[in-house]
Amino acid sequence: MIEDKVYIYPIYITVDLAEEYPYFVEIPDVDGYTQGKDLAEAITMARDYIGFAVIDKLEQNEPLPLPDQIAYLQKNTQIKTLVDINFKKYKAQRDNKVVKKTLTIPNYLNELGIEKGINFSLTLTEALREKLGV
């Protein structure tokens, strides 16, 4: 079971403006690397890498790689920063599995929707996302 808790992982970003993706990210706690076209993209990609890597480990019943509390060696050309992630929320936001729901709506809305070619599942999904702010 994934806890509803935020973890903070250190990352190291090396910048080389001569590269197509100049921001190279090292993520020591999950033995991973990623990159970005700018600093914001590099941090977003790091969060995604951590999320996918850790959720994959958890789904295979491997232990959660905890963030290391010791300082890694940092070179003068690196940016050292932290990335926060809540694995439970991260997994839920990327769970695209669909479920069948039975619902009741007024007949006139059903008839109008069919007449206009409305996709009821899509409409309900969009309305729920808007109402829930996700």
N, C-alpha and C. Protein backbone atom coordinates (compact mmCIF):
# COMPACT_ATOMS: atom_id res chain seq x y z
N MET A 1 0.84 -1.18 0.00
CA MET A 1 0.00 0.00 0.00
C MET A 1 0.89 1.25 0.00
N ILE A 2 0.51 2.20 -0.81
CA ILE A 2 1.29 3.43 -0.92
C ILE A 2 0.74 4.45 0.09
N GLU A 3 1.64 5.02 0.88
CA GLU A 3 1.24 6.01 1.88
C GLU A 3 0.91 7.34 1.23
N ASP A 4 -0.02 8.07 1.84
CA ASP A 4 -0.34 9.43 1.40
C ASP A 4 0.62 10.37 2.10
N LYS A 5 1.85 10.43 1.60
CA LYS A 5 2.94 11.15 2.25
C LYS A 5 3.86 11.74 1.18
N VAL A 6 4.42 12.89 1.46
CA VAL A 6 5.34 13.54 0.52
C VAL A 6 6.77 13.13 0.87
N TYR A 7 7.51 12.70 -0.14
CA TYR A 7 8.93 12.38 0.00
C TYR A 7 9.72 13.43 -0.76
N ILE A 8 10.93 13.71 -0.29
CA ILE A 8 11.80 14.70 -0.91
C ILE A 8 13.08 14.00 -1.34
N TYR A 9 13.37 14.06 -2.64
CA TYR A 9 14.57 13.41 -3.19
C TYR A 9 15.54 14.47 -3.71
N PRO A 10 16.83 14.34 -3.40
CA PRO A 10 17.81 15.26 -3.97
C PRO A 10 18.10 14.90 -5.43
N ILE A 11 18.28 15.93 -6.24
CA ILE A 11 18.69 15.74 -7.64
C ILE A 11 19.83 16.70 -7.94
N TYR A 12 20.61 16.36 -8.96
CA TYR A 12 21.74 17.19 -9.37
C TYR A 12 21.59 17.49 -10.84
N ILE A 13 21.64 18.77 -11.18
CA ILE A 13 21.44 19.20 -12.56
C ILE A 13 22.74 19.81 -13.06
N THR A 14 23.22 19.28 -14.18
CA THR A 14 24.41 19.81 -14.85
C THR A 14 23.95 20.52 -16.11
N VAL A 15 24.44 21.73 -16.33
CA VAL A 15 24.00 22.53 -17.47
C VAL A 15 25.11 22.58 -18.51
N ASP A 16 24.75 22.24 -19.75
CA ASP A 16 25.66 22.35 -20.89
C ASP A 16 24.86 22.95 -22.04
N LEU A 17 24.95 24.25 -22.21
CA LEU A 17 24.12 24.96 -23.19
C LEU A 17 24.40 24.56 -24.63
N ALA A 18 25.47 23.82 -24.88
CA ALA A 18 25.78 23.36 -26.23
C ALA A 18 24.91 22.16 -26.63
N GLU A 19 24.25 21.54 -25.66
CA GLU A 19 23.43 20.34 -25.92
C GLU A 19 22.00 20.74 -26.31
N GLU A 20 21.33 19.83 -27.06
CA GLU A 20 19.93 20.07 -27.43
C GLU A 20 19.06 20.13 -26.18
N TYR A 21 19.32 19.25 -25.23
CA TYR A 21 18.67 19.26 -23.92
C TYR A 21 19.75 19.63 -22.90
N PRO A 22 19.94 20.92 -22.63
CA PRO A 22 21.10 21.36 -21.86
C PRO A 22 21.08 21.03 -20.36
N TYR A 23 19.93 20.64 -19.83
CA TYR A 23 19.83 20.37 -18.39
C TYR A 23 19.80 18.87 -18.16
N PHE A 24 20.93 18.32 -17.70
CA PHE A 24 21.08 16.89 -17.45
C PHE A 24 20.88 16.64 -15.96
N VAL A 25 19.98 15.72 -15.62
CA VAL A 25 19.60 15.49 -14.23
C VAL A 25 20.06 14.12 -13.76
N GLU A 26 20.75 14.10 -12.62
CA GLU A 26 21.14 12.85 -11.97
C GLU A 26 20.25 12.68 -10.73
N ILE A 27 19.68 11.47 -10.59
CA ILE A 27 18.80 11.16 -9.46
C ILE A 27 19.40 9.96 -8.72
N PRO A 28 20.31 10.20 -7.78
CA PRO A 28 21.08 9.12 -7.16
C PRO A 28 20.24 8.08 -6.42
N ASP A 29 19.18 8.48 -5.75
CA ASP A 29 18.43 7.54 -4.91
C ASP A 29 17.66 6.49 -5.70
N VAL A 30 17.43 6.74 -6.98
CA VAL A 30 16.75 5.73 -7.82
C VAL A 30 17.64 5.32 -9.00
N ASP A 31 18.93 5.65 -8.90
CA ASP A 31 19.89 5.33 -9.96
C ASP A 31 19.37 5.75 -11.32
N GLY A 32 18.93 6.99 -11.43
CA GLY A 32 18.33 7.43 -12.68
C GLY A 32 18.89 8.73 -13.21
N TYR A 33 18.60 8.94 -14.49
CA TYR A 33 19.02 10.15 -15.20
C TYR A 33 17.88 10.59 -16.11
N THR A 34 17.78 11.89 -16.31
CA THR A 34 16.84 12.44 -17.27
C THR A 34 17.39 13.78 -17.72
N GLN A 35 16.62 14.52 -18.50
CA GLN A 35 17.10 15.79 -19.01
C GLN A 35 15.93 16.70 -19.34
N GLY A 36 16.24 17.97 -19.62
CA GLY A 36 15.21 18.92 -19.98
C GLY A 36 15.77 20.04 -20.82
N LYS A 37 14.85 20.73 -21.52
CA LYS A 37 15.27 21.87 -22.34
C LYS A 37 15.49 23.12 -21.50
N ASP A 38 14.84 23.16 -20.33
CA ASP A 38 15.05 24.27 -19.39
C ASP A 38 14.97 23.70 -17.97
N LEU A 39 15.21 24.55 -17.00
CA LEU A 39 15.27 24.10 -15.61
C LEU A 39 13.92 23.52 -15.15
N ALA A 40 12.84 24.20 -15.50
CA ALA A 40 11.51 23.72 -15.08
C ALA A 40 11.21 22.35 -15.66
N GLU A 41 11.51 22.16 -16.95
CA GLU A 41 11.27 20.86 -17.58
C GLU A 41 12.16 19.78 -16.96
N ALA A 42 13.38 20.13 -16.64
CA ALA A 42 14.30 19.16 -16.03
C ALA A 42 13.77 18.68 -14.68
N ILE A 43 13.25 19.60 -13.87
CA ILE A 43 12.71 19.23 -12.56
C ILE A 43 11.44 18.41 -12.73
N THR A 44 10.58 18.79 -13.67
CA THR A 44 9.36 18.01 -13.94
C THR A 44 9.71 16.61 -14.40
N MET A 45 10.68 16.49 -15.29
CA MET A 45 11.10 15.18 -15.78
C MET A 45 11.70 14.34 -14.64
N ALA A 46 12.41 14.98 -13.73
CA ALA A 46 12.97 14.26 -12.58
C ALA A 46 11.85 13.71 -11.70
N ARG A 47 10.83 14.52 -11.46
CA ARG A 47 9.70 14.06 -10.64
C ARG A 47 9.01 12.88 -11.33
N ASP A 48 8.81 12.97 -12.65
CA ASP A 48 8.20 11.86 -13.39
C ASP A 48 9.07 10.61 -13.32
N TYR A 49 10.38 10.78 -13.47
CA TYR A 49 11.28 9.62 -13.41
C TYR A 49 11.19 8.95 -12.04
N ILE A 50 11.26 9.76 -10.99
CA ILE A 50 11.16 9.21 -9.63
C ILE A 50 9.82 8.52 -9.45
N GLY A 51 8.75 9.16 -9.88
CA GLY A 51 7.42 8.58 -9.72
C GLY A 51 7.27 7.24 -10.40
N PHE A 52 7.63 7.18 -11.68
CA PHE A 52 7.51 5.93 -12.42
C PHE A 52 8.43 4.85 -11.86
N ALA A 53 9.66 5.22 -11.52
CA ALA A 53 10.63 4.23 -11.02
C ALA A 53 10.18 3.65 -9.68
N VAL A 54 9.74 4.50 -8.78
CA VAL A 54 9.35 4.02 -7.45
C VAL A 54 8.05 3.24 -7.51
N ILE A 55 7.06 3.72 -8.25
CA ILE A 55 5.79 2.99 -8.34
C ILE A 55 6.01 1.62 -8.97
N ASP A 56 6.89 1.56 -9.97
CA ASP A 56 7.22 0.26 -10.58
C ASP A 56 7.82 -0.68 -9.53
N LYS A 57 8.75 -0.17 -8.72
CA LYS A 57 9.35 -0.99 -7.66
C LYS A 57 8.29 -1.46 -6.66
N LEU A 58 7.42 -0.55 -6.25
CA LEU A 58 6.40 -0.90 -5.26
C LEU A 58 5.43 -1.94 -5.81
N GLU A 59 5.08 -1.82 -7.10
CA GLU A 59 4.17 -2.80 -7.70
C GLU A 59 4.81 -4.17 -7.84
N GLN A 60 6.14 -4.23 -7.82
CA GLN A 60 6.85 -5.50 -7.86
C GLN A 60 7.24 -5.95 -6.44
N ASN A 61 6.60 -5.33 -5.45
CA ASN A 61 6.83 -5.64 -4.03
C ASN A 61 8.26 -5.43 -3.59
N GLU A 62 8.95 -4.50 -4.23
CA GLU A 62 10.30 -4.12 -3.79
C GLU A 62 10.16 -2.98 -2.79
N PRO A 63 11.15 -2.79 -1.92
CA PRO A 63 11.04 -1.72 -0.93
C PRO A 63 11.15 -0.33 -1.56
N LEU A 64 10.52 0.62 -0.92
CA LEU A 64 10.56 2.01 -1.35
C LEU A 64 11.98 2.54 -1.17
N PRO A 65 12.60 3.07 -2.24
CA PRO A 65 13.92 3.67 -2.06
C PRO A 65 13.76 5.01 -1.33
N LEU A 66 14.19 5.05 -0.09
CA LEU A 66 14.03 6.26 0.70
C LEU A 66 15.07 7.30 0.29
N PRO A 67 14.69 8.57 0.37
CA PRO A 67 15.64 9.63 0.04
C PRO A 67 16.83 9.59 1.00
N ASP A 68 18.02 9.71 0.45
CA ASP A 68 19.23 9.70 1.28
C ASP A 68 19.38 11.05 1.96
N GLN A 69 19.65 11.04 3.22
CA GLN A 69 19.77 12.28 3.98
C GLN A 69 21.19 12.84 3.97
N ILE A 70 22.15 12.08 3.44
CA ILE A 70 23.52 12.60 3.41
C ILE A 70 23.72 13.43 2.15
N ALA A 71 24.62 14.35 2.22
CA ALA A 71 24.91 15.21 1.07
C ALA A 71 25.82 14.47 0.10
N TYR A 72 25.42 14.45 -1.15
CA TYR A 72 26.27 13.88 -2.19
C TYR A 72 27.31 14.91 -2.59
N LEU A 73 28.38 14.42 -3.18
CA LEU A 73 29.40 15.34 -3.68
C LEU A 73 28.80 16.15 -4.82
N GLN A 74 28.99 17.44 -4.75
CA GLN A 74 28.45 18.32 -5.77
C GLN A 74 29.59 19.04 -6.47
N LYS A 75 29.57 18.99 -7.80
CA LYS A 75 30.59 19.69 -8.57
C LYS A 75 30.18 21.15 -8.71
N ASN A 76 31.15 22.01 -8.98
CA ASN A 76 30.86 23.44 -9.13
C ASN A 76 29.92 23.73 -10.29
N THR A 77 29.85 22.82 -11.26
CA THR A 77 29.00 23.06 -12.43
C THR A 77 27.59 22.51 -12.25
N GLN A 78 27.27 22.03 -11.07
CA GLN A 78 25.96 21.42 -10.85
C GLN A 78 25.05 22.30 -10.01
N ILE A 79 23.76 22.13 -10.28
CA ILE A 79 22.73 22.73 -9.44
C ILE A 79 22.20 21.61 -8.55
N LYS A 80 22.23 21.81 -7.26
CA LYS A 80 21.70 20.81 -6.34
C LYS A 80 20.35 21.33 -5.86
N THR A 81 19.32 20.51 -6.00
CA THR A 81 17.99 20.92 -5.55
C THR A 81 17.23 19.70 -5.07
N LEU A 82 16.01 19.91 -4.64
CA LEU A 82 15.17 18.83 -4.13
C LEU A 82 13.89 18.73 -4.94
N VAL A 83 13.37 17.52 -5.06
CA VAL A 83 12.11 17.28 -5.75
C VAL A 83 11.17 16.60 -4.77
N ASP A 84 9.96 17.15 -4.66
CA ASP A 84 8.98 16.53 -3.77
C ASP A 84 8.02 15.67 -4.59
N ILE A 85 7.53 14.59 -3.98
CA ILE A 85 6.57 13.72 -4.67
C ILE A 85 5.75 12.95 -3.63
N ASN A 86 4.46 12.89 -3.88
CA ASN A 86 3.54 12.07 -3.09
C ASN A 86 3.17 10.90 -4.00
N PHE A 87 3.70 9.72 -3.73
CA PHE A 87 3.52 8.58 -4.64
C PHE A 87 2.07 8.16 -4.78
N LYS A 88 1.30 8.26 -3.72
CA LYS A 88 -0.11 7.88 -3.79
C LYS A 88 -0.86 8.80 -4.76
N LYS A 89 -0.66 10.10 -4.63
CA LYS A 89 -1.33 11.05 -5.52
C LYS A 89 -0.78 10.95 -6.94
N TYR A 90 0.54 10.75 -7.07
CA TYR A 90 1.16 10.63 -8.38
C TYR A 90 0.57 9.44 -9.14
N LYS A 91 0.46 8.31 -8.45
CA LYS A 91 -0.09 7.11 -9.09
C LYS A 91 -1.55 7.33 -9.47
N ALA A 92 -2.31 7.93 -8.58
CA ALA A 92 -3.73 8.15 -8.85
C ALA A 92 -3.94 9.06 -10.07
N GLN A 93 -3.10 10.07 -10.22
CA GLN A 93 -3.23 11.00 -11.34
C GLN A 93 -2.88 10.35 -12.67
N ARG A 94 -2.13 9.28 -12.65
CA ARG A 94 -1.72 8.61 -13.88
C ARG A 94 -2.45 7.29 -14.11
N ASP A 95 -3.44 7.01 -13.27
CA ASP A 95 -4.23 5.79 -13.41
C ASP A 95 -5.34 6.04 -14.42
N ASN A 96 -5.14 5.59 -15.64
CA ASN A 96 -6.10 5.82 -16.71
C ASN A 96 -7.02 4.62 -16.93
N LYS A 97 -7.03 3.70 -15.98
CA LYS A 97 -7.92 2.55 -16.09
C LYS A 97 -9.35 3.07 -16.03
N VAL A 98 -10.20 2.61 -16.94
CA VAL A 98 -11.59 3.06 -16.95
C VAL A 98 -12.45 2.07 -16.19
N VAL A 99 -13.49 2.59 -15.57
CA VAL A 99 -14.45 1.76 -14.85
C VAL A 99 -15.85 2.08 -15.37
N LYS A 100 -16.69 1.07 -15.39
CA LYS A 100 -18.06 1.25 -15.85
C LYS A 100 -18.91 1.76 -14.70
N LYS A 101 -19.67 2.82 -14.95
CA LYS A 101 -20.56 3.40 -13.95
C LYS A 101 -21.98 3.42 -14.52
N THR A 102 -22.93 3.10 -13.70
CA THR A 102 -24.33 3.23 -14.07
C THR A 102 -24.86 4.48 -13.40
N LEU A 103 -25.55 5.32 -14.18
CA LEU A 103 -26.06 6.55 -13.60
C LEU A 103 -27.47 6.83 -14.09
N THR A 104 -28.12 7.75 -13.43
CA THR A 104 -29.48 8.12 -13.77
C THR A 104 -29.49 9.61 -14.11
N ILE A 105 -30.06 9.93 -15.29
CA ILE A 105 -30.22 11.33 -15.71
C ILE A 105 -31.64 11.52 -16.21
N PRO A 106 -32.12 12.75 -16.24
CA PRO A 106 -33.46 12.99 -16.77
C PRO A 106 -33.56 12.56 -18.24
N ASN A 107 -34.70 12.02 -18.61
CA ASN A 107 -34.92 11.50 -19.96
C ASN A 107 -34.67 12.56 -21.03
N TYR A 108 -35.13 13.80 -20.80
CA TYR A 108 -34.97 14.82 -21.82
C TYR A 108 -33.50 15.11 -22.09
N LEU A 109 -32.64 15.05 -21.04
CA LEU A 109 -31.20 15.23 -21.26
C LEU A 109 -30.62 14.06 -22.04
N ASN A 110 -31.07 12.86 -21.74
CA ASN A 110 -30.62 11.68 -22.48
C ASN A 110 -30.98 11.81 -23.95
N GLU A 111 -32.23 12.19 -24.24
CA GLU A 111 -32.68 12.32 -25.64
C GLU A 111 -31.91 13.41 -26.37
N LEU A 112 -31.75 14.56 -25.73
CA LEU A 112 -30.99 15.65 -26.35
C LEU A 112 -29.54 15.26 -26.59
N GLY A 113 -28.95 14.58 -25.62
CA GLY A 113 -27.57 14.15 -25.76
C GLY A 113 -27.39 13.19 -26.92
N ILE A 114 -28.29 12.23 -27.04
CA ILE A 114 -28.23 11.28 -28.16
C ILE A 114 -28.40 12.01 -29.47
N GLU A 115 -29.37 12.92 -29.52
CA GLU A 115 -29.65 13.70 -30.73
C GLU A 115 -28.43 14.52 -31.17
N LYS A 116 -27.72 15.07 -30.21
CA LYS A 116 -26.55 15.91 -30.51
C LYS A 116 -25.26 15.11 -30.63
N GLY A 117 -25.33 13.79 -30.43
CA GLY A 117 -24.14 12.95 -30.55
C GLY A 117 -23.16 13.14 -29.40
N ILE A 118 -23.67 13.45 -28.23
CA ILE A 118 -22.82 13.68 -27.06
C ILE A 118 -22.24 12.35 -26.58
N ASN A 119 -20.95 12.36 -26.27
CA ASN A 119 -20.29 11.21 -25.66
C ASN A 119 -20.49 11.37 -24.15
N PHE A 120 -21.40 10.58 -23.59
CA PHE A 120 -21.76 10.73 -22.18
C PHE A 120 -20.59 10.45 -21.25
N SER A 121 -19.79 9.45 -21.56
CA SER A 121 -18.64 9.11 -20.71
C SER A 121 -17.64 10.26 -20.68
N LEU A 122 -17.34 10.81 -21.86
CA LEU A 122 -16.40 11.92 -21.94
C LEU A 122 -16.94 13.14 -21.20
N THR A 123 -18.22 13.42 -21.39
CA THR A 123 -18.84 14.58 -20.74
C THR A 123 -18.80 14.44 -19.22
N LEU A 124 -19.11 13.26 -18.71
CA LEU A 124 -19.06 13.03 -17.27
C LEU A 124 -17.62 13.15 -16.75
N THR A 125 -16.67 12.58 -17.49
CA THR A 125 -15.26 12.67 -17.09
C THR A 125 -14.81 14.12 -17.02
N GLU A 126 -15.13 14.90 -18.05
CA GLU A 126 -14.74 16.32 -18.07
C GLU A 126 -15.39 17.08 -16.92
N ALA A 127 -16.66 16.82 -16.66
CA ALA A 127 -17.37 17.51 -15.58
C ALA A 127 -16.77 17.15 -14.22
N LEU A 128 -16.43 15.88 -14.02
CA LEU A 128 -15.82 15.47 -12.76
C LEU A 128 -14.45 16.11 -12.57
N ARG A 129 -13.66 16.15 -13.64
CA ARG A 129 -12.33 16.78 -13.54
C ARG A 129 -12.46 18.25 -13.15
N GLU A 130 -13.42 18.94 -13.79
CA GLU A 130 -13.62 20.36 -13.48
C GLU A 130 -14.10 20.53 -12.04
N LYS A 131 -15.07 19.75 -11.64
CA LYS A 131 -15.63 19.87 -10.29
C LYS A 131 -14.59 19.53 -9.22
N LEU A 132 -13.73 18.54 -9.50
CA LEU A 132 -12.71 18.11 -8.54
C LEU A 132 -11.41 18.90 -8.64
N GLY A 133 -11.29 19.71 -9.69
CA GLY A 133 -10.08 20.51 -9.85
C GLY A 133 -8.85 19.70 -10.20
N VAL A 134 -9.04 18.63 -10.98
CA VAL A 134 -7.90 17.80 -11.39
C VAL A 134 -7.77 17.75 -12.89
